[in-house]
PDB file of N, CA and C in Angstrom:
ATOM      1  N   MET A   1      63.027 -91.725  19.508  1.00  0.00           N
ATOM      2  CA  MET A   1      62.153 -91.906  18.384  1.00  0.00           C
ATOM      3  C   MET A   1      62.817 -92.885  17.421  1.00  0.00           C
ATOM      4  N   ASP A   2      61.971 -93.664  16.743  1.00  0.00           N
ATOM      5  CA  ASP A   2      62.534 -94.541  15.725  1.00  0.00           C
ATOM      6  C   ASP A   2      62.707 -93.745  14.425  1.00  0.00           C
ATOM      7  N   SER A   3      63.103 -94.408  13.369  1.00  0.00           N
ATOM      8  CA  SER A   3      63.388 -93.707  12.117  1.00  0.00           C
ATOM      9  C   SER A   3      62.135 -93.118  11.472  1.00  0.00           C
ATOM     10  N   LYS A   4      60.948 -93.523  11.925  1.00  0.00           N
ATOM     11  CA  LYS A   4      59.699 -92.974  11.402  1.00  0.00           C
ATOM     12  C   LYS A   4      59.104 -91.910  12.326  1.00  0.00           C
ATOM     13  N   GLY A   5      59.807 -91.603  13.404  1.00  0.00           N
ATOM     14  CA  GLY A   5      59.349 -90.561  14.317  1.00  0.00           C
ATOM     15  C   GLY A   5      58.417 -91.030  15.416  1.00  0.00           C
ATOM     16  N   PHE A   6      58.329 -92.334  15.625  1.00  0.00           N
ATOM     17  CA  PHE A   6      57.491 -92.853  16.702  1.00  0.00           C
ATOM     18  C   PHE A   6      58.335 -93.088  17.950  1.00  0.00           C
ATOM     19  N   PRO A   7      57.801 -92.775  19.114  1.00  0.00           N
ATOM     20  CA  PRO A   7      58.572 -92.986  20.343  1.00  0.00           C
ATOM     21  C   PRO A   7      58.906 -94.460  20.562  1.00  0.00           C
ATOM     22  N   THR A   8      60.144 -94.705  20.970  1.00  0.00           N
ATOM     23  CA  THR A   8      60.569 -96.065  21.295  1.00  0.00           C
ATOM     24  C   THR A   8      60.652 -96.267  22.804  1.00  0.00           C
ATOM     25  N   ASN A   9      60.773 -95.169  23.533  1.00  0.00           N
ATOM     26  CA  ASN A   9      60.927 -95.273  24.972  1.00  0.00           C
ATOM     27  C   ASN A   9      60.755 -93.892  25.597  1.00  0.00           C
ATOM     28  N   TYR A  10      60.571 -93.892  26.893  1.00  0.00           N
ATOM     29  CA  TYR A  10      60.492 -92.671  27.695  1.00  0.00           C
ATOM     30  C   TYR A  10      61.337 -92.927  28.926  1.00  0.00           C
ATOM     31  N   SER A  11      62.099 -91.935  29.334  1.00  0.00           N
ATOM     32  CA  SER A  11      62.939 -92.121  30.511  1.00  0.00           C
ATOM     33  C   SER A  11      63.046 -90.827  31.296  1.00  0.00           C
ATOM     34  N   LEU A  12      62.991 -90.950  32.592  1.00  0.00           N
ATOM     35  CA  LEU A  12      63.293 -89.846  33.487  1.00  0.00           C
ATOM     36  C   LEU A  12      64.764 -89.996  33.841  1.00  0.00           C
ATOM     37  N   ALA A  13      65.593 -89.124  33.293  1.00  0.00           N
ATOM     38  CA  ALA A  13      67.039 -89.273  33.434  1.00  0.00           C
ATOM     39  C   ALA A  13      67.573 -88.735  34.762  1.00  0.00           C
ATOM     40  N   HIS A  14      66.927 -87.711  35.305  1.00  0.00           N
ATOM     41  CA  HIS A  14      67.469 -87.113  36.522  1.00  0.00           C
ATOM     42  C   HIS A  14      66.420 -86.239  37.196  1.00  0.00           C
ATOM     43  N   ILE A  15      66.466 -86.198  38.499  1.00  0.00           N
ATOM     44  CA  ILE A  15      65.660 -85.264  39.280  1.00  0.00           C
ATOM     45  C   ILE A  15      66.628 -84.357  40.018  1.00  0.00           C
ATOM     46  N   GLY A  16      66.500 -83.071  39.794  1.00  0.00           N
ATOM     47  CA  GLY A  16      67.418 -82.109  40.392  1.00  0.00           C
ATOM     48  C   GLY A  16      66.887 -81.539  41.692  1.00  0.00           C
ATOM     49  N   THR A  17      67.536 -80.483  42.136  1.00  0.00           N
ATOM     50  CA  THR A  17      67.129 -79.770  43.335  1.00  0.00           C
ATOM     51  C   THR A  17      66.170 -78.648  42.942  1.00  0.00           C
ATOM     52  N   LEU A  18      65.875 -77.781  43.854  1.00  0.00           N
ATOM     53  CA  LEU A  18      64.936 -76.687  43.595  1.00  0.00           C
ATOM     54  C   LEU A  18      65.369 -75.830  42.408  1.00  0.00           C
ATOM     55  N   ASN A  19      66.665 -75.552  42.280  1.00  0.00           N
ATOM     56  CA  ASN A  19      67.110 -74.654  41.208  1.00  0.00           C
ATOM     57  C   ASN A  19      68.370 -75.130  40.493  1.00  0.00           C
ATOM     58  N   ASN A  20      68.669 -76.428  40.558  1.00  0.00           N
ATOM     59  CA  ASN A  20      69.891 -76.899  39.943  1.00  0.00           C
ATOM     60  C   ASN A  20      69.792 -78.388  39.623  1.00  0.00           C
ATOM     61  N   THR A  21      70.499 -78.783  38.583  1.00  0.00           N
ATOM     62  CA  THR A  21      70.619 -80.200  38.258  1.00  0.00           C
ATOM     63  C   THR A  21      71.965 -80.419  37.582  1.00  0.00           C
ATOM     64  N   LEU A  22      72.458 -81.594  37.708  1.00  0.00           N
ATOM     65  CA  LEU A  22      73.729 -81.940  37.076  1.00  0.00           C
ATOM     66  C   LEU A  22      73.527 -83.294  36.408  1.00  0.00           C
ATOM     67  N   ILE A  23      73.509 -83.291  35.090  1.00  0.00           N
ATOM     68  CA  ILE A  23      73.315 -84.529  34.349  1.00  0.00           C
ATOM     69  C   ILE A  23      74.294 -84.552  33.186  1.00  0.00           C
ATOM     70  N   SER A  24      74.783 -85.724  32.879  1.00  0.00           N
ATOM     71  CA  SER A  24      75.749 -85.851  31.791  1.00  0.00           C
ATOM     72  C   SER A  24      75.049 -86.317  30.521  1.00  0.00           C
ATOM     73  N   ASN A  25      75.700 -86.054  29.398  1.00  0.00           N
ATOM     74  CA  ASN A  25      75.166 -86.528  28.129  1.00  0.00           C
ATOM     75  C   ASN A  25      75.109 -88.050  28.101  1.00  0.00           C
ATOM     76  N   ARG A  26      76.009 -88.671  28.815  1.00  0.00           N
ATOM     77  CA  ARG A  26      75.993 -90.133  28.918  1.00  0.00           C
ATOM     78  C   ARG A  26      74.643 -90.615  29.436  1.00  0.00           C
ATOM     79  N   GLU A  27      74.141 -89.995  30.485  1.00  0.00           N
ATOM     80  CA  GLU A  27      72.839 -90.377  31.046  1.00  0.00           C
ATOM     81  C   GLU A  27      71.701 -90.050  30.084  1.00  0.00           C
ATOM     82  N   ILE A  28      71.820 -88.958  29.370  1.00  0.00           N
ATOM     83  CA  ILE A  28      70.777 -88.565  28.425  1.00  0.00           C
ATOM     84  C   ILE A  28      70.650 -89.597  27.309  1.00  0.00           C
ATOM     85  N   PHE A  29      71.786 -90.065  26.806  1.00  0.00           N
ATOM     86  CA  PHE A  29      71.761 -90.958  25.640  1.00  0.00           C
ATOM     87  C   PHE A  29      71.709 -92.443  25.975  1.00  0.00           C
ATOM     88  N   LYS A  30      71.848 -92.802  27.239  1.00  0.00           N
ATOM     89  CA  LYS A  30      71.877 -94.215  27.615  1.00  0.00           C
ATOM     90  C   LYS A  30      70.620 -94.954  27.148  1.00  0.00           C
ATOM     91  N   VAL A  31      69.477 -94.428  27.451  1.00  0.00           N
ATOM     92  CA  VAL A  31      68.223 -95.081  27.075  1.00  0.00           C
ATOM     93  C   VAL A  31      68.033 -95.037  25.558  1.00  0.00           C
ATOM     94  N   ALA A  32      68.442 -93.934  24.934  1.00  0.00           N
ATOM     95  CA  ALA A  32      68.301 -93.822  23.476  1.00  0.00           C
ATOM     96  C   ALA A  32      69.103 -94.906  22.768  1.00  0.00           C
ATOM     97  N   VAL A  33      70.321 -95.153  23.223  1.00  0.00           N
ATOM     98  CA  VAL A  33      71.154 -96.186  22.619  1.00  0.00           C
ATOM     99  C   VAL A  33      70.527 -97.562  22.851  1.00  0.00           C
ATOM    100  N   LYS A  34      70.124 -97.833  24.081  1.00  0.00           N
ATOM    101  CA  LYS A  34      69.508 -99.130  24.397  1.00  0.00           C
ATOM    102  C   LYS A  34      68.198 -99.350  23.640  1.00  0.00           C
ATOM    103  N   SER A  35      67.510 -98.269  23.307  1.00  0.00           N
ATOM    104  CA  SER A  35      66.223 -98.360  22.615  1.00  0.00           C
ATOM    105  C   SER A  35      66.378 -98.319  21.099  1.00  0.00           C
ATOM    106  N   ASN A  36      67.608 -98.249  20.637  1.00  0.00           N
ATOM    107  CA  ASN A  36      67.887 -98.168  19.201  1.00  0.00           C
ATOM    108  C   ASN A  36      67.196 -96.959  18.568  1.00  0.00           C
ATOM    109  N   ALA A  37      67.195 -95.839  19.274  1.00  0.00           N
ATOM    110  CA  ALA A  37      66.536 -94.618  18.796  1.00  0.00           C
ATOM    111  C   ALA A  37      67.395 -93.931  17.734  1.00  0.00           C
ATOM    112  N   SER A  38      66.731 -93.312  16.772  1.00  0.00           N
ATOM    113  CA  SER A  38      67.461 -92.522  15.780  1.00  0.00           C
ATOM    114  C   SER A  38      67.434 -91.042  16.129  1.00  0.00           C
ATOM    115  N   SER A  39      66.554 -90.656  17.049  1.00  0.00           N
ATOM    116  CA  SER A  39      66.482 -89.264  17.495  1.00  0.00           C
ATOM    117  C   SER A  39      65.876 -89.220  18.897  1.00  0.00           C
ATOM    118  N   ILE A  40      66.067 -88.088  19.555  1.00  0.00           N
ATOM    119  CA  ILE A  40      65.504 -87.896  20.896  1.00  0.00           C
ATOM    120  C   ILE A  40      64.924 -86.493  21.027  1.00  0.00           C
ATOM    121  N   ILE A  41      64.038 -86.352  21.978  1.00  0.00           N
ATOM    122  CA  ILE A  41      63.545 -85.059  22.436  1.00  0.00           C
ATOM    123  C   ILE A  41      63.856 -84.997  23.924  1.00  0.00           C
ATOM    124  N   VAL A  42      64.485 -83.925  24.336  1.00  0.00           N
ATOM    125  CA  VAL A  42      64.839 -83.725  25.737  1.00  0.00           C
ATOM    126  C   VAL A  42      63.912 -82.651  26.306  1.00  0.00           C
ATOM    127  N   ALA A  43      63.519 -82.818  27.543  1.00  0.00           N
ATOM    128  CA  ALA A  43      62.715 -81.797  28.217  1.00  0.00           C
ATOM    129  C   ALA A  43      63.230 -81.637  29.635  1.00  0.00           C
ATOM    130  N   HIS A  44      63.156 -80.431  30.117  1.00  0.00           N
ATOM    131  CA  HIS A  44      63.502 -80.173  31.514  1.00  0.00           C
ATOM    132  C   HIS A  44      62.613 -79.056  32.030  1.00  0.00           C
ATOM    133  N   ASN A  45      62.490 -79.000  33.345  1.00  0.00           N
ATOM    134  CA  ASN A  45      61.584 -78.004  33.905  1.00  0.00           C
ATOM    135  C   ASN A  45      62.332 -76.811  34.494  1.00  0.00           C
ATOM    136  N   HIS A  46      61.616 -75.714  34.559  1.00  0.00           N
ATOM    137  CA  HIS A  46      62.036 -74.518  35.277  1.00  0.00           C
ATOM    138  C   HIS A  46      60.981 -74.289  36.360  1.00  0.00           C
ATOM    139  N   PRO A  47      61.260 -74.704  37.591  1.00  0.00           N
ATOM    140  CA  PRO A  47      60.257 -74.589  38.654  1.00  0.00           C
ATOM    141  C   PRO A  47      59.777 -73.160  38.906  1.00  0.00           C
ATOM    142  N   SER A  48      60.579 -72.178  38.491  1.00  0.00           N
ATOM    143  CA  SER A  48      60.185 -70.782  38.702  1.00  0.00           C
ATOM    144  C   SER A  48      58.963 -70.399  37.877  1.00  0.00           C
ATOM    145  N   GLY A  49      58.682 -71.187  36.825  1.00  0.00           N
ATOM    146  CA  GLY A  49      57.576 -70.847  35.938  1.00  0.00           C
ATOM    147  C   GLY A  49      58.023 -70.058  34.723  1.00  0.00           C
ATOM    148  N   ASP A  50      59.224 -69.500  34.756  1.00  0.00           N
ATOM    149  CA  ASP A  50      59.778 -68.749  33.625  1.00  0.00           C
ATOM    150  C   ASP A  50      60.461 -69.739  32.690  1.00  0.00           C
ATOM    151  N   VAL A  51      59.874 -69.969  31.528  1.00  0.00           N
ATOM    152  CA  VAL A  51      60.417 -70.960  30.595  1.00  0.00           C
ATOM    153  C   VAL A  51      61.361 -70.351  29.562  1.00  0.00           C
ATOM    154  N   THR A  52      61.821 -69.147  29.808  1.00  0.00           N
ATOM    155  CA  THR A  52      62.813 -68.529  28.933  1.00  0.00           C
ATOM    156  C   THR A  52      64.123 -69.291  29.064  1.00  0.00           C
ATOM    157  N   PRO A  53      64.704 -69.725  27.933  1.00  0.00           N
ATOM    158  CA  PRO A  53      65.969 -70.466  28.013  1.00  0.00           C
ATOM    159  C   PRO A  53      67.104 -69.595  28.557  1.00  0.00           C
ATOM    160  N   SER A  54      67.856 -70.154  29.486  1.00  0.00           N
ATOM    161  CA  SER A  54      69.035 -69.465  30.001  1.00  0.00           C
ATOM    162  C   SER A  54      70.212 -69.728  29.078  1.00  0.00           C
ATOM    163  N   GLU A  55      71.288 -68.989  29.265  1.00  0.00           N
ATOM    164  CA  GLU A  55      72.515 -69.240  28.497  1.00  0.00           C
ATOM    165  C   GLU A  55      72.987 -70.669  28.740  1.00  0.00           C
ATOM    166  N   GLN A  56      72.849 -71.150  29.966  1.00  0.00           N
ATOM    167  CA  GLN A  56      73.251 -72.525  30.283  1.00  0.00           C
ATOM    168  C   GLN A  56      72.368 -73.532  29.546  1.00  0.00           C
ATOM    169  N   ASP A  57      71.078 -73.253  29.415  1.00  0.00           N
ATOM    170  CA  ASP A  57      70.185 -74.128  28.644  1.00  0.00           C
ATOM    171  C   ASP A  57      70.649 -74.234  27.195  1.00  0.00           C
ATOM    172  N   ILE A  58      71.028 -73.107  26.622  1.00  0.00           N
ATOM    173  CA  ILE A  58      71.473 -73.091  25.229  1.00  0.00           C
ATOM    174  C   ILE A  58      72.799 -73.828  25.083  1.00  0.00           C
ATOM    175  N   GLU A  59      73.724 -73.605  25.996  1.00  0.00           N
ATOM    176  CA  GLU A  59      75.023 -74.298  25.951  1.00  0.00           C
ATOM    177  C   GLU A  59      74.845 -75.801  26.142  1.00  0.00           C
ATOM    178  N   ASN A  60      73.991 -76.196  27.077  1.00  0.00           N
ATOM    179  CA  ASN A  60      73.720 -77.624  27.289  1.00  0.00           C
ATOM    180  C   ASN A  60      73.112 -78.254  26.037  1.00  0.00           C
ATOM    181  N   THR A  61      72.229 -77.525  25.386  1.00  0.00           N
ATOM    182  CA  THR A  61      71.613 -78.025  24.159  1.00  0.00           C
ATOM    183  C   THR A  61      72.664 -78.230  23.074  1.00  0.00           C
ATOM    184  N   LYS A  62      73.582 -77.284  22.943  1.00  0.00           N
ATOM    185  CA  LYS A  62      74.665 -77.429  21.961  1.00  0.00           C
ATOM    186  C   LYS A  62      75.496 -78.675  22.244  1.00  0.00           C
ATOM    187  N   GLU A  63      75.765 -78.933  23.504  1.00  0.00           N
ATOM    188  CA  GLU A  63      76.559 -80.103  23.876  1.00  0.00           C
ATOM    189  C   GLU A  63      75.797 -81.408  23.614  1.00  0.00           C
ATOM    190  N   ILE A  64      74.495 -81.395  23.835  1.00  0.00           N
ATOM    191  CA  ILE A  64      73.682 -82.578  23.545  1.00  0.00           C
ATOM    192  C   ILE A  64      73.666 -82.841  22.045  1.00  0.00           C
ATOM    193  N   VAL A  65      73.549 -81.783  21.250  1.00  0.00           N
ATOM    194  CA  VAL A  65      73.586 -81.931  19.790  1.00  0.00           C
ATOM    195  C   VAL A  65      74.903 -82.566  19.362  1.00  0.00           C
ATOM    196  N   LYS A  66      76.031 -82.062  19.897  1.00  0.00           N
ATOM    197  CA  LYS A  66      77.353 -82.613  19.545  1.00  0.00           C
ATOM    198  C   LYS A  66      77.477 -84.084  19.927  1.00  0.00           C
ATOM    199  N   ALA A  67      77.037 -84.420  21.128  1.00  0.00           N
ATOM    200  CA  ALA A  67      77.107 -85.813  21.575  1.00  0.00           C
ATOM    201  C   ALA A  67      76.244 -86.701  20.679  1.00  0.00           C
ATOM    202  N   GLY A  68      75.075 -86.216  20.318  1.00  0.00           N
ATOM    203  CA  GLY A  68      74.196 -86.979  19.447  1.00  0.00           C
ATOM    204  C   GLY A  68      74.798 -87.202  18.069  1.00  0.00           C
ATOM    205  N   GLU A  69      75.503 -86.204  17.562  1.00  0.00           N
ATOM    206  CA  GLU A  69      76.161 -86.357  16.261  1.00  0.00           C
ATOM    207  C   GLU A  69      77.184 -87.487  16.310  1.00  0.00           C
ATOM    208  N   LEU A  70      77.927 -87.578  17.399  1.00  0.00           N
ATOM    209  CA  LEU A  70      78.914 -88.652  17.543  1.00  0.00           C
ATOM    210  C   LEU A  70      78.257 -90.028  17.581  1.00  0.00           C
ATOM    211  N   LEU A  71      77.067 -90.091  18.163  1.00  0.00           N
ATOM    212  CA  LEU A  71      76.363 -91.360  18.311  1.00  0.00           C
ATOM    213  C   LEU A  71      75.416 -91.670  17.150  1.00  0.00           C
ATOM    214  N   GLY A  72      75.198 -90.696  16.282  1.00  0.00           N
ATOM    215  CA  GLY A  72      74.233 -90.889  15.203  1.00  0.00           C
ATOM    216  C   GLY A  72      72.798 -90.799  15.674  1.00  0.00           C
ATOM    217  N   ILE A  73      72.587 -90.037  16.745  1.00  0.00           N
ATOM    218  CA  ILE A  73      71.247 -89.846  17.307  1.00  0.00           C
ATOM    219  C   ILE A  73      70.945 -88.352  17.305  1.00  0.00           C
ATOM    220  N   ASN A  74      69.965 -87.951  16.530  1.00  0.00           N
ATOM    221  CA  ASN A  74      69.628 -86.554  16.327  1.00  0.00           C
ATOM    222  C   ASN A  74      68.800 -86.002  17.496  1.00  0.00           C
ATOM    223  N   LEU A  75      69.186 -84.833  18.004  1.00  0.00           N
ATOM    224  CA  LEU A  75      68.364 -84.137  19.006  1.00  0.00           C
ATOM    225  C   LEU A  75      67.319 -83.320  18.256  1.00  0.00           C
ATOM    226  N   LEU A  76      66.054 -83.674  18.420  1.00  0.00           N
ATOM    227  CA  LEU A  76      64.976 -82.959  17.742  1.00  0.00           C
ATOM    228  C   LEU A  76      64.634 -81.653  18.436  1.00  0.00           C
ATOM    229  N   ASP A  77      64.665 -81.646  19.762  1.00  0.00           N
ATOM    230  CA  ASP A  77      64.331 -80.428  20.499  1.00  0.00           C
ATOM    231  C   ASP A  77      64.708 -80.596  21.957  1.00  0.00           C
ATOM    232  N   ASN A  78      64.868 -79.480  22.626  1.00  0.00           N
ATOM    233  CA  ASN A  78      65.011 -79.407  24.075  1.00  0.00           C
ATOM    234  C   ASN A  78      63.888 -78.483  24.528  1.00  0.00           C
ATOM    235  N   ILE A  79      62.949 -79.021  25.245  1.00  0.00           N
ATOM    236  CA  ILE A  79      61.756 -78.279  25.632  1.00  0.00           C
ATOM    237  C   ILE A  79      61.829 -77.933  27.106  1.00  0.00           C
ATOM    238  N   ILE A  80      61.566 -76.677  27.413  1.00  0.00           N
ATOM    239  CA  ILE A  80      61.539 -76.212  28.799  1.00  0.00           C
ATOM    240  C   ILE A  80      60.081 -76.123  29.222  1.00  0.00           C
ATOM    241  N   VAL A  81      59.767 -76.721  30.364  1.00  0.00           N
ATOM    242  CA  VAL A  81      58.383 -76.738  30.833  1.00  0.00           C
ATOM    243  C   VAL A  81      58.279 -76.166  32.246  1.00  0.00           C
ATOM    244  N   SER A  82      57.092 -75.678  32.544  1.00  0.00           N
ATOM    245  CA  SER A  82      56.736 -75.290  33.909  1.00  0.00           C
ATOM    246  C   SER A  82      55.384 -75.926  34.186  1.00  0.00           C
ATOM    247  N   ASP A  83      54.769 -75.554  35.269  1.00  0.00           N
ATOM    248  CA  ASP A  83      53.456 -76.117  35.600  1.00  0.00           C
ATOM    249  C   ASP A  83      52.384 -75.756  34.576  1.00  0.00           C
ATOM    250  N   ILE A  84      52.542 -74.602  33.908  1.00  0.00           N
ATOM    251  CA  ILE A  84      51.451 -74.150  33.040  1.00  0.00           C
ATOM    252  C   ILE A  84      51.843 -73.876  31.591  1.00  0.00           C
ATOM    253  N   LYS A  85      53.136 -73.921  31.260  1.00  0.00           N
ATOM    254  CA  LYS A  85      53.515 -73.630  29.879  1.00  0.00           C
ATOM    255  C   LYS A  85      54.825 -74.310  29.521  1.00  0.00           C
ATOM    256  N   GLY A  86      55.169 -74.223  28.263  1.00  0.00           N
ATOM    257  CA  GLY A  86      56.410 -74.795  27.784  1.00  0.00           C
ATOM    258  C   GLY A  86      56.975 -73.960  26.644  1.00  0.00           C
ATOM    259  N   LYS A  87      58.256 -74.164  26.364  1.00  0.00           N
ATOM    260  CA  LYS A  87      58.898 -73.427  25.282  1.00  0.00           C
ATOM    261  C   LYS A  87      59.927 -74.321  24.621  1.00  0.00           C
ATOM    262  N   SER A  88      59.937 -74.310  23.305  1.00  0.00           N
ATOM    263  CA  SER A  88      60.862 -75.090  22.501  1.00  0.00           C
ATOM    264  C   SER A  88      62.128 -74.284  22.221  1.00  0.00           C
ATOM    265  N   ILE A  89      63.281 -74.847  22.581  1.00  0.00           N
ATOM    266  CA  ILE A  89      64.536 -74.159  22.263  1.00  0.00           C
ATOM    267  C   ILE A  89      64.744 -74.155  20.755  1.00  0.00           C
ATOM    268  N   ARG A  90      64.346 -75.228  20.072  1.00  0.00           N
ATOM    269  CA  ARG A  90      64.506 -75.262  18.608  1.00  0.00           C
ATOM    270  C   ARG A  90      63.756 -74.119  17.935  1.00  0.00           C
ATOM    271  N   SER A  91      62.560 -73.820  18.405  1.00  0.00           N
ATOM    272  CA  SER A  91      61.774 -72.758  17.767  1.00  0.00           C
ATOM    273  C   SER A  91      62.396 -71.384  17.991  1.00  0.00           C
ATOM    274  N   LEU A  92      63.091 -71.221  19.108  1.00  0.00           N
ATOM    275  CA  LEU A  92      63.715 -69.931  19.423  1.00  0.00           C
ATOM    276  C   LEU A  92      65.137 -69.800  18.859  1.00  0.00           C
ATOM    277  N   TYR A  93      65.868 -70.904  18.849  1.00  0.00           N
ATOM    278  CA  TYR A  93      67.279 -70.907  18.445  1.00  0.00           C
ATOM    279  C   TYR A  93      67.552 -72.069  17.483  1.00  0.00           C
ATOM    280  N   PRO A  94      66.972 -72.039  16.278  1.00  0.00           N
ATOM    281  CA  PRO A  94      67.173 -73.163  15.355  1.00  0.00           C
ATOM    282  C   PRO A  94      68.628 -73.368  14.959  1.00  0.00           C
ATOM    283  N   GLN A  95      69.429 -72.315  15.010  1.00  0.00           N
ATOM    284  CA  GLN A  95      70.850 -72.422  14.637  1.00  0.00           C
ATOM    285  C   GLN A  95      71.618 -73.345  15.567  1.00  0.00           C
ATOM    286  N   VAL A  96      71.150 -73.551  16.767  1.00  0.00           N
ATOM    287  CA  VAL A  96      71.810 -74.444  17.730  1.00  0.00           C
ATOM    288  C   VAL A  96      71.771 -75.894  17.235  1.00  0.00           C
ATOM    289  N   PHE A  97      70.783 -76.224  16.424  1.00  0.00           N
ATOM    290  CA  PHE A  97      70.555 -77.599  15.991  1.00  0.00           C
ATOM    291  C   PHE A  97      71.217 -77.927  14.653  1.00  0.00           C
ATOM    292  N   LYS A  98      72.018 -77.010  14.131  1.00  0.00           N
ATOM    293  CA  LYS A  98      72.667 -77.256  12.832  1.00  0.00           C
ATOM    294  C   LYS A  98      74.103 -77.670  13.008  1.00  0.00           C
TER     295      LYS A  98
END
């Protein structure tokens, strides 16, 4: 997102396996840096359909927030999606984003 909250770019950073993915913060922020973004929204899917954040989802979100702070790029949210619904980690765990 730019400084006014408008999207500057969209990127598919990684495609995982049926129940696992391994992606680095470097890959997450690469497009944001190249796009001169001031903030990002991250989304990932849970193929099981259960969009409840796992402990790993929360820990990954904390690490993305830290990396963004170093780069001056704010993480607005990490959204978990399935085929029929989605859930915002920010709405459930706002303390992770502080």
